[in-house]
Amino acid sequence: MKQVLNGKKWILLSAVLAAALHPGAAWASYAETTEQAEQYYEKYYTDYTADELSLVGQYRTANAAIKKSTADRLVERAFWYMQNGYIVYGHGNDSYKQHGIADCSEFVSLVYGDFGYSVTEVAKDYDTVGQKVNGVYSTTKVYPNGKTYNALAGTENLKIGDILTWYKTDAAGNKYISHVAIYIGMLNGQPAVIGTVDQDTGKNPTAIGIINDFRYTWGGTLNSVRRVLPSDAWNANTQVSGHAQQSPVIPDSYVLPPQNPIVMPVQ
């Protein structure tokens, strides 16, 4: 591995740029130094094995019918980056390739890019990605005690590998896309996505995690669903022509150095 960069300088600069380039996109904590990033990793790795890795196992059991399809390989690549990417949250062009740093849209672009799909790294531009999937929207449901909670309606219209986008509203009342993530199916009876997460509240060792609780913000602020993959992407043991998986991106340097040996995926 190459030399670790000065993580504090990079992340602090990233935080300054974030407000201007990605308003409202701070869905994950900034690890200001390599030491802090390593502390996050050590502090939350046990929670990660109990939560995320359990959900990965559920995904593989529930989706055996599409095993080794392009969609399945894409989700497995997202899992690979969660386990072996050692991603710290931040912004910047090709920041993962250079420094092991990524925000929500760069992570999605990174995963799709490994299969030859050119997908924007700018969250607000995701309404131009692929085709819109109709019939999926935010709704509210009622607990037996009368209290309401958020949920997603129309999950039957989702497919593994779809890109979900969420919105925030600026001071003028205009909505903009603030977060994107990759759909990985129904797990524990709830829709699940993989993407950047808040390391403090989500108890994640890196910036990548799995969310499958839509009762709060996630269920109430869905913007749209985008589908990039073609119709044959869910055929088991096949790959879409011209979109064979490539080797994952290995950063030139890391804010969070690999804490365990990196196991390369089977091609």
C-alpha atoms as a PDB file:
ATOM      1  CA  MET A   1       0.000   0.000   0.000  1.00  0.00           C
ATOM      2  CA  LYS A   2       1.114   3.556  -0.677  1.00  0.00           C
ATOM      3  CA  GLN A   3       1.723   6.243   1.884  1.00  0.00           C
ATOM      4  CA  VAL A   4      -1.294   7.498   3.885  1.00  0.00           C
ATOM      5  CA  LEU A   5      -2.086  11.143   3.148  1.00  0.00           C
ATOM      6  CA  ASN A   6      -2.543  13.825   5.767  1.00  0.00           C
ATOM      7  CA  GLY A   7      -6.191  13.030   6.413  1.00  0.00           C
ATOM      8  CA  LYS A   8      -6.936  16.068   8.567  1.00  0.00           C
ATOM      9  CA  LYS A   9      -5.963  18.614   5.922  1.00  0.00           C
ATOM     10  CA  TRP A  10      -7.936  16.855   3.208  1.00  0.00           C
ATOM     11  CA  ILE A  11     -11.120  16.314   5.209  1.00  0.00           C
ATOM     12  CA  LEU A  12     -11.204  19.827   6.616  1.00  0.00           C
ATOM     13  CA  LEU A  13     -10.871  21.236   3.092  1.00  0.00           C
ATOM     14  CA  SER A  14     -13.572  18.817   1.973  1.00  0.00           C
ATOM     15  CA  ALA A  15     -15.897  20.017   4.717  1.00  0.00           C
ATOM     16  CA  VAL A  16     -15.491  23.631   3.549  1.00  0.00           C
ATOM     17  CA  LEU A  17     -16.218  22.704  -0.052  1.00  0.00           C
ATOM     18  CA  ALA A  18     -19.155  20.472   0.885  1.00  0.00           C
ATOM     19  CA  ALA A  19     -21.503  23.301   1.847  1.00  0.00           C
ATOM     20  CA  ALA A  20     -21.032  24.999  -1.511  1.00  0.00           C
ATOM     21  CA  LEU A  21     -20.874  21.969  -3.810  1.00  0.00           C
ATOM     22  CA  HIS A  22     -23.176  19.522  -2.032  1.00  0.00           C
ATOM     23  CA  PRO A  23     -25.645  21.492   0.109  1.00  0.00           C
ATOM     24  CA  GLY A  24     -27.390  19.296   2.642  1.00  0.00           C
ATOM     25  CA  ALA A  25     -25.395  16.217   1.686  1.00  0.00           C
ATOM     26  CA  ALA A  26     -23.739  15.655   5.056  1.00  0.00           C
ATOM     27  CA  TRP A  27     -25.264  12.237   5.691  1.00  0.00           C
ATOM     28  CA  ALA A  28     -22.067  10.920   7.252  1.00  0.00           C
ATOM     29  CA  SER A  29     -19.538  12.133   9.754  1.00  0.00           C
ATOM     30  CA  TYR A  30     -16.148  13.481   8.763  1.00  0.00           C
ATOM     31  CA  ALA A  31     -13.196  11.630  10.233  1.00  0.00           C
ATOM     32  CA  GLU A  32     -10.771  14.516  10.591  1.00  0.00           C
ATOM     33  CA  THR A  33      -7.637  12.436  11.089  1.00  0.00           C
ATOM     34  CA  THR A  34      -6.391   8.942  10.422  1.00  0.00           C
ATOM     35  CA  GLU A  35      -6.408   8.385  14.175  1.00  0.00           C
ATOM     36  CA  GLN A  36     -10.080   9.360  14.406  1.00  0.00           C
ATOM     37  CA  ALA A  37     -10.960   7.158  11.437  1.00  0.00           C
ATOM     38  CA  GLU A  38      -9.227   4.222  13.098  1.00  0.00           C
ATOM     39  CA  GLN A  39     -11.089   4.928  16.340  1.00  0.00           C
ATOM     40  CA  TYR A  40     -14.434   4.828  14.476  1.00  0.00           C
ATOM     41  CA  TYR A  41     -13.449   1.547  12.891  1.00  0.00           C
ATOM     42  CA  GLU A  42     -12.463  -0.102  16.144  1.00  0.00           C
ATOM     43  CA  LYS A  43     -15.420   1.321  18.085  1.00  0.00           C
ATOM     44  CA  TYR A  44     -18.150   0.214  15.673  1.00  0.00           C
ATOM     45  CA  TYR A  45     -16.824  -2.930  14.016  1.00  0.00           C
ATOM     46  CA  THR A  46     -18.687  -5.237  16.403  1.00  0.00           C
ATOM     47  CA  ASP A  47     -21.977  -3.464  15.606  1.00  0.00           C
ATOM     48  CA  TYR A  48     -21.152  -3.765  11.913  1.00  0.00           C
ATOM     49  CA  THR A  49     -20.702  -7.531  12.104  1.00  0.00           C
ATOM     50  CA  ALA A  50     -23.980  -7.900  13.990  1.00  0.00           C
ATOM     51  CA  ASP A  51     -25.978  -5.591  11.723  1.00  0.00           C
ATOM     52  CA  GLU A  52     -24.566  -5.101   8.207  1.00  0.00           C
ATOM     53  CA  LEU A  53     -22.934  -8.494   7.801  1.00  0.00           C
ATOM     54  CA  SER A  54     -26.104 -10.178   9.039  1.00  0.00           C
ATOM     55  CA  LEU A  55     -28.058  -8.314   6.364  1.00  0.00           C
ATOM     56  CA  VAL A  56     -25.509  -9.324   3.721  1.00  0.00           C
ATOM     57  CA  GLY A  57     -26.181 -12.940   4.640  1.00  0.00           C
ATOM     58  CA  GLN A  58     -29.921 -12.356   4.385  1.00  0.00           C
ATOM     59  CA  TYR A  59     -29.484 -10.744   0.970  1.00  0.00           C
ATOM     60  CA  ARG A  60     -27.589 -13.762  -0.344  1.00  0.00           C
ATOM     61  CA  THR A  61     -30.200 -16.194   0.930  1.00  0.00           C
ATOM     62  CA  ALA A  62     -33.166 -14.160  -0.336  1.00  0.00           C
ATOM     63  CA  ASN A  63     -31.714 -13.520  -3.793  1.00  0.00           C
ATOM     64  CA  ALA A  64     -30.313 -16.904  -4.755  1.00  0.00           C
ATOM     65  CA  ALA A  65     -32.521 -16.838  -7.880  1.00  0.00           C
ATOM     66  CA  ILE A  66     -30.460 -14.009  -9.408  1.00  0.00           C
ATOM     67  CA  LYS A  67     -27.066 -15.277  -8.239  1.00  0.00           C
ATOM     68  CA  LYS A  68     -24.208 -14.031 -10.429  1.00  0.00           C
ATOM     69  CA  SER A  69     -26.486 -11.892 -12.558  1.00  0.00           C
ATOM     70  CA  THR A  70     -25.163  -8.412 -13.380  1.00  0.00           C
ATOM     71  CA  ALA A  71     -27.459  -6.906 -10.731  1.00  0.00           C
ATOM     72  CA  ASP A  72     -26.244  -9.398  -8.133  1.00  0.00           C
ATOM     73  CA  ARG A  73     -22.594  -8.796  -9.021  1.00  0.00           C
ATOM     74  CA  LEU A  74     -23.172  -5.064  -8.711  1.00  0.00           C
ATOM     75  CA  VAL A  75     -24.626  -5.427  -5.209  1.00  0.00           C
ATOM     76  CA  GLU A  76     -21.818  -7.788  -4.243  1.00  0.00           C
ATOM     77  CA  ARG A  77     -19.332  -5.151  -5.416  1.00  0.00           C
ATOM     78  CA  ALA A  78     -21.044  -2.597  -3.171  1.00  0.00           C
ATOM     79  CA  PHE A  79     -20.638  -5.096  -0.305  1.00  0.00           C
ATOM     80  CA  TRP A  80     -16.982  -5.461  -1.258  1.00  0.00           C
ATOM     81  CA  TYR A  81     -16.358  -1.723  -0.958  1.00  0.00           C
ATOM     82  CA  MET A  82     -18.190  -1.701   2.380  1.00  0.00           C
ATOM     83  CA  GLN A  83     -15.917  -4.474   3.671  1.00  0.00           C
ATOM     84  CA  ASN A  84     -12.648  -3.756   1.834  1.00  0.00           C
ATOM     85  CA  GLY A  85     -12.831  -0.144   0.648  1.00  0.00           C
ATOM     86  CA  TYR A  86     -12.084   1.556   3.992  1.00  0.00           C
ATOM     87  CA  ILE A  87     -14.020   4.575   2.769  1.00  0.00           C
ATOM     88  CA  VAL A  88     -14.082   7.801   4.757  1.00  0.00           C
ATOM     89  CA  TYR A  89     -16.827  10.306   3.979  1.00  0.00           C
ATOM     90  CA  GLY A  90     -15.898  13.394   1.966  1.00  0.00           C
ATOM     91  CA  HIS A  91     -16.259  15.207  -1.358  1.00  0.00           C
ATOM     92  CA  GLY A  92     -14.092  15.834  -4.395  1.00  0.00           C
ATOM     93  CA  ASN A  93     -13.555  14.642  -7.964  1.00  0.00           C
ATOM     94  CA  ASP A  94     -12.138  11.098  -7.959  1.00  0.00           C
ATOM     95  CA  SER A  95     -11.497  11.479  -4.233  1.00  0.00           C
ATOM     96  CA  TYR A  96     -11.877   7.749  -3.627  1.00  0.00           C
ATOM     97  CA  LYS A  97      -9.272   6.861  -6.223  1.00  0.00           C
ATOM     98  CA  GLN A  98      -6.866   9.391  -4.793  1.00  0.00           C
ATOM     99  CA  HIS A  99      -7.526   9.256  -1.069  1.00  0.00           C
ATOM    100  CA  GLY A 100     -10.128   6.619  -0.142  1.00  0.00           C
ATOM    101  CA  ILE A 101     -12.776   9.315   0.376  1.00  0.00           C
ATOM    102  CA  ALA A 102     -16.306   9.260  -1.096  1.00  0.00           C
ATOM    103  CA  ASP A 103     -19.720  10.814  -0.610  1.00  0.00           C
ATOM    104  CA  CYS A 104     -23.038   9.151  -1.464  1.00  0.00           C
ATOM    105  CA  SER A 105     -23.034   9.909  -5.184  1.00  0.00           C
ATOM    106  CA  GLU A 106     -19.358   9.077  -5.679  1.00  0.00           C
ATOM    107  CA  PHE A 107     -19.917   5.709  -3.997  1.00  0.00           C
ATOM    108  CA  VAL A 108     -22.816   4.847  -6.329  1.00  0.00           C
ATOM    109  CA  SER A 109     -20.792   6.058  -9.320  1.00  0.00           C
ATOM    110  CA  LEU A 110     -17.827   3.980  -8.155  1.00  0.00           C
ATOM    111  CA  VAL A 111     -19.849   0.771  -7.934  1.00  0.00           C
ATOM    112  CA  TYR A 112     -21.580   1.260 -11.295  1.00  0.00           C
ATOM    113  CA  GLY A 113     -18.305   2.302 -12.885  1.00  0.00           C
ATOM    114  CA  ASP A 114     -16.820  -1.109 -12.080  1.00  0.00           C
ATOM    115  CA  PHE A 115     -19.349  -2.531 -14.567  1.00  0.00           C
ATOM    116  CA  GLY A 116     -18.762   0.000 -17.326  1.00  0.00           C
ATOM    117  CA  TYR A 117     -21.675   2.323 -16.510  1.00  0.00           C
ATOM    118  CA  SER A 118     -20.921   6.034 -16.455  1.00  0.00           C
ATOM    119  CA  VAL A 119     -22.989   7.499 -13.627  1.00  0.00           C
ATOM    120  CA  THR A 120     -22.653  11.037 -12.305  1.00  0.00           C
ATOM    121  CA  GLU A 121     -20.783  11.768  -9.074  1.00  0.00           C
ATOM    122  CA  VAL A 122     -23.053  14.770  -8.367  1.00  0.00           C
ATOM    123  CA  ALA A 123     -26.083  13.968  -6.193  1.00  0.00           C
ATOM    124  CA  LYS A 124     -28.297  16.760  -7.537  1.00  0.00           C
ATOM    125  CA  ASP A 125     -27.932  15.392 -11.080  1.00  0.00           C
ATOM    126  CA  TYR A 126     -29.308  11.927 -10.355  1.00  0.00           C
ATOM    127  CA  ASP A 127     -32.718  12.777 -11.809  1.00  0.00           C
ATOM    128  CA  THR A 128     -30.954  12.480 -15.192  1.00  0.00           C
ATOM    129  CA  VAL A 129     -29.537   9.012 -14.496  1.00  0.00           C
ATOM    130  CA  GLY A 130     -31.120   6.026 -16.248  1.00  0.00           C
ATOM    131  CA  GLN A 131     -34.907   5.792 -16.350  1.00  0.00           C
ATOM    132  CA  LYS A 132     -37.373   6.763 -13.652  1.00  0.00           C
ATOM    133  CA  VAL A 133     -39.168   3.884 -11.922  1.00  0.00           C
ATOM    134  CA  ASN A 134     -42.802   4.802 -11.369  1.00  0.00           C
ATOM    135  CA  GLY A 135     -45.016   3.704  -8.515  1.00  0.00           C
ATOM    136  CA  VAL A 136     -42.560   4.036  -5.603  1.00  0.00           C
ATOM    137  CA  TYR A 137     -43.240   6.878  -3.197  1.00  0.00           C
ATOM    138  CA  SER A 138     -43.218   8.031   0.421  1.00  0.00           C
ATOM    139  CA  THR A 139     -46.308   7.370   2.487  1.00  0.00           C
ATOM    140  CA  THR A 140     -47.387   7.245   6.128  1.00  0.00           C
ATOM    141  CA  LYS A 141     -48.753   4.352   8.130  1.00  0.00           C
ATOM    142  CA  VAL A 142     -50.369   4.137  11.553  1.00  0.00           C
ATOM    143  CA  TYR A 143     -49.228   2.149  14.575  1.00  0.00           C
ATOM    144  CA  PRO A 144     -51.908   0.418  16.712  1.00  0.00           C
ATOM    145  CA  ASN A 145     -51.514   3.239  19.251  1.00  0.00           C
ATOM    146  CA  GLY A 146     -52.510   5.791  16.614  1.00  0.00           C
ATOM    147  CA  LYS A 147     -49.064   7.291  16.010  1.00  0.00           C
ATOM    148  CA  THR A 148     -47.920   7.605  12.416  1.00  0.00           C
ATOM    149  CA  TYR A 149     -44.620   6.646  10.810  1.00  0.00           C
ATOM    150  CA  ASN A 150     -43.062   6.968   7.376  1.00  0.00           C
ATOM    151  CA  ALA A 151     -42.761   4.126   4.885  1.00  0.00           C
ATOM    152  CA  LEU A 152     -42.182   3.413   1.217  1.00  0.00           C
ATOM    153  CA  ALA A 153     -45.128   2.396  -0.921  1.00  0.00           C
ATOM    154  CA  GLY A 154     -44.741   0.466  -4.148  1.00  0.00           C
ATOM    155  CA  THR A 155     -41.675  -1.550  -3.155  1.00  0.00           C
ATOM    156  CA  GLU A 156     -42.906  -4.310  -5.474  1.00  0.00           C
ATOM    157  CA  ASN A 157     -41.830  -2.041  -8.340  1.00  0.00           C
ATOM    158  CA  LEU A 158     -38.209  -1.965  -7.170  1.00  0.00           C
ATOM    159  CA  LYS A 159     -35.445  -4.191  -8.528  1.00  0.00           C
ATOM    160  CA  ILE A 160     -32.082  -5.071  -7.026  1.00  0.00           C
ATOM    161  CA  GLY A 161     -29.562  -2.437  -8.117  1.00  0.00           C
ATOM    162  CA  ASP A 162     -32.034   0.433  -8.547  1.00  0.00           C
ATOM    163  CA  ILE A 163     -30.823   3.817  -7.330  1.00  0.00           C
ATOM    164  CA  LEU A 164     -32.985   5.552  -4.728  1.00  0.00           C
ATOM    165  CA  THR A 165     -32.690   9.314  -4.301  1.00  0.00           C
ATOM    166  CA  TRP A 166     -33.863  11.527  -1.432  1.00  0.00           C
ATOM    167  CA  TYR A 167     -34.512  15.251  -1.258  1.00  0.00           C
ATOM    168  CA  LYS A 168     -34.020  18.177   1.069  1.00  0.00           C
ATOM    169  CA  THR A 169     -35.496  21.667   0.780  1.00  0.00           C
ATOM    170  CA  ASP A 170     -33.419  24.848   0.632  1.00  0.00           C
ATOM    171  CA  ALA A 171     -34.240  28.197   2.268  1.00  0.00           C
ATOM    172  CA  ALA A 172     -36.298  29.241  -0.762  1.00  0.00           C
ATOM    173  CA  GLY A 173     -38.452  26.119  -0.553  1.00  0.00           C
ATOM    174  CA  ASN A 174     -36.852  24.391  -3.555  1.00  0.00           C
ATOM    175  CA  LYS A 175     -36.246  20.669  -3.389  1.00  0.00           C
ATOM    176  CA  TYR A 176     -32.886  19.195  -4.362  1.00  0.00           C
ATOM    177  CA  ILE A 177     -31.451  15.680  -4.278  1.00  0.00           C
ATOM    178  CA  SER A 178     -29.347  15.357  -1.154  1.00  0.00           C
ATOM    179  CA  HIS A 179     -28.654  11.618  -0.982  1.00  0.00           C
ATOM    180  CA  VAL A 180     -28.509   8.532  -3.209  1.00  0.00           C
ATOM    181  CA  ALA A 181     -28.068   4.810  -2.462  1.00  0.00           C
ATOM    182  CA  ILE A 182     -28.377   1.382  -4.114  1.00  0.00           C
ATOM    183  CA  TYR A 183     -31.400  -0.836  -3.458  1.00  0.00           C
ATOM    184  CA  ILE A 184     -30.517  -4.366  -2.305  1.00  0.00           C
ATOM    185  CA  GLY A 185     -33.979  -5.852  -1.765  1.00  0.00           C
ATOM    186  CA  MET A 186     -36.396  -6.514   1.091  1.00  0.00           C
ATOM    187  CA  LEU A 187     -34.527  -7.561   4.234  1.00  0.00           C
ATOM    188  CA  ASN A 188     -36.208  -8.143   7.596  1.00  0.00           C
ATOM    189  CA  GLY A 189     -39.449  -7.285   5.804  1.00  0.00           C
ATOM    190  CA  GLN A 190     -38.209  -3.779   4.973  1.00  0.00           C
ATOM    191  CA  PRO A 191     -36.602  -2.226   1.883  1.00  0.00           C
ATOM    192  CA  ALA A 192     -32.827  -2.010   2.242  1.00  0.00           C
ATOM    193  CA  VAL A 193     -30.220   0.201   0.576  1.00  0.00           C
ATOM    194  CA  ILE A 194     -26.442   0.416   0.719  1.00  0.00           C
ATOM    195  CA  GLY A 195     -24.663   3.761   0.639  1.00  0.00           C
ATOM    196  CA  THR A 196     -23.019   6.342   2.848  1.00  0.00           C
ATOM    197  CA  VAL A 197     -24.356   6.542   6.397  1.00  0.00           C
ATOM    198  CA  ASP A 198     -23.816   8.633   9.498  1.00  0.00           C
ATOM    199  CA  GLN A 199     -21.079   6.824  11.377  1.00  0.00           C
ATOM    200  CA  ASP A 200     -22.125   8.164  14.789  1.00  0.00           C
ATOM    201  CA  THR A 201     -25.843   7.393  14.734  1.00  0.00           C
ATOM    202  CA  GLY A 202     -25.512   4.385  12.459  1.00  0.00           C
ATOM    203  CA  LYS A 203     -22.608   2.910  14.429  1.00  0.00           C
ATOM    204  CA  ASN A 204     -20.594   2.135  11.320  1.00  0.00           C
ATOM    205  CA  PRO A 205     -16.828   1.630  11.160  1.00  0.00           C
ATOM    206  CA  THR A 206     -16.566   3.273   7.721  1.00  0.00           C
ATOM    207  CA  ALA A 207     -18.714   5.638   5.679  1.00  0.00           C
ATOM    208  CA  ILE A 208     -20.583   2.762   3.982  1.00  0.00           C
ATOM    209  CA  GLY A 209     -23.463   0.897   5.585  1.00  0.00           C
ATOM    210  CA  ILE A 210     -26.900  -0.627   5.036  1.00  0.00           C
ATOM    211  CA  ILE A 211     -30.155   1.113   5.915  1.00  0.00           C
ATOM    212  CA  ASN A 212     -33.430  -0.811   6.133  1.00  0.00           C
ATOM    213  CA  ASP A 213     -35.470   1.313   8.525  1.00  0.00           C
ATOM    214  CA  PHE A 214     -37.646   3.723   6.582  1.00  0.00           C
ATOM    215  CA  ARG A 215     -39.885   4.866   9.437  1.00  0.00           C
ATOM    216  CA  TYR A 216     -38.160   8.223   9.756  1.00  0.00           C
ATOM    217  CA  THR A 217     -36.364  10.467   7.239  1.00  0.00           C
ATOM    218  CA  TRP A 218     -35.698   7.705   4.731  1.00  0.00           C
ATOM    219  CA  GLY A 219     -39.376   6.903   4.329  1.00  0.00           C
ATOM    220  CA  GLY A 220     -40.576  10.498   4.284  1.00  0.00           C
ATOM    221  CA  THR A 221     -38.269  12.205   1.789  1.00  0.00           C
ATOM    222  CA  LEU A 222     -37.951   9.844  -1.172  1.00  0.00           C
ATOM    223  CA  ASN A 223     -37.401  11.861  -4.338  1.00  0.00           C
ATOM    224  CA  SER A 224     -37.367   9.203  -7.051  1.00  0.00           C
ATOM    225  CA  VAL A 225     -36.035   5.819  -8.113  1.00  0.00           C
ATOM    226  CA  ARG A 226     -33.711   5.504 -11.112  1.00  0.00           C
ATOM    227  CA  ARG A 227     -32.984   2.318 -13.071  1.00  0.00           C
ATOM    228  CA  VAL A 228     -29.721   2.087 -14.990  1.00  0.00           C
ATOM    229  CA  LEU A 229     -29.544  -1.670 -15.573  1.00  0.00           C
ATOM    230  CA  PRO A 230     -31.204  -3.230 -18.667  1.00  0.00           C
ATOM    231  CA  SER A 231     -33.884  -5.912 -18.552  1.00  0.00           C
ATOM    232  CA  ASP A 232     -31.476  -8.866 -18.734  1.00  0.00           C
ATOM    233  CA  ALA A 233     -29.430  -7.690 -15.740  1.00  0.00           C
ATOM    234  CA  TRP A 234     -31.345  -9.994 -13.344  1.00  0.00           C
ATOM    235  CA  ASN A 235     -30.766 -13.229 -15.281  1.00  0.00           C
ATOM    236  CA  ALA A 236     -28.826 -15.631 -13.065  1.00  0.00           C
ATOM    237  CA  ASN A 237     -25.288 -16.645 -14.050  1.00  0.00           C
ATOM    238  CA  THR A 238     -25.127 -14.148 -16.908  1.00  0.00           C
ATOM    239  CA  GLN A 239     -23.651 -10.728 -17.460  1.00  0.00           C
ATOM    240  CA  VAL A 240     -24.944  -7.883 -19.579  1.00  0.00           C
ATOM    241  CA  SER A 241     -23.043  -7.722 -22.844  1.00  0.00           C
ATOM    242  CA  GLY A 242     -20.256  -5.161 -22.661  1.00  0.00           C
ATOM    243  CA  HIS A 243     -20.591  -4.768 -18.891  1.00  0.00           C
ATOM    244  CA  ALA A 244     -18.346  -7.424 -17.380  1.00  0.00           C
ATOM    245  CA  GLN A 245     -17.150  -6.567 -13.903  1.00  0.00           C
ATOM    246  CA  GLN A 246     -13.793  -4.876 -13.692  1.00  0.00           C
ATOM    247  CA  SER A 247     -11.347  -4.930 -10.824  1.00  0.00           C
ATOM    248  CA  PRO A 248     -12.313  -2.636  -7.941  1.00  0.00           C
ATOM    249  CA  VAL A 249     -10.587   0.703  -7.523  1.00  0.00           C
ATOM    250  CA  ILE A 250      -7.711   0.665  -5.053  1.00  0.00           C
ATOM    251  CA  PRO A 251      -6.918   4.154  -3.703  1.00  0.00           C
ATOM    252  CA  ASP A 252      -3.493   5.709  -4.134  1.00  0.00           C
ATOM    253  CA  SER A 253      -3.583   6.539  -0.411  1.00  0.00           C
ATOM    254  CA  TYR A 254      -5.987   6.260   2.534  1.00  0.00           C
ATOM    255  CA  VAL A 255      -7.277   8.408   5.352  1.00  0.00           C
ATOM    256  CA  LEU A 256      -8.336   5.110   6.964  1.00  0.00           C
ATOM    257  CA  PRO A 257      -5.568   2.617   6.166  1.00  0.00           C
ATOM    258  CA  PRO A 258      -6.793  -0.960   5.635  1.00  0.00           C
ATOM    259  CA  GLN A 259      -7.307  -2.479   9.062  1.00  0.00           C
ATOM    260  CA  ASN A 260      -7.321  -6.042   7.705  1.00  0.00           C
ATOM    261  CA  PRO A 261      -5.889  -7.710   4.602  1.00  0.00           C
ATOM    262  CA  ILE A 262      -7.873  -6.677   1.515  1.00  0.00           C
ATOM    263  CA  VAL A 263      -9.458  -9.702  -0.137  1.00  0.00           C
ATOM    264  CA  MET A 264      -9.969  -9.085  -3.851  1.00  0.00           C
ATOM    265  CA  PRO A 265     -13.328 -10.201  -5.328  1.00  0.00           C
ATOM    266  CA  VAL A 266     -13.578 -13.197  -7.616  1.00  0.00           C
ATOM    267  CA  GLN A 267     -13.809 -11.974 -11.201  1.00  0.00           C
END
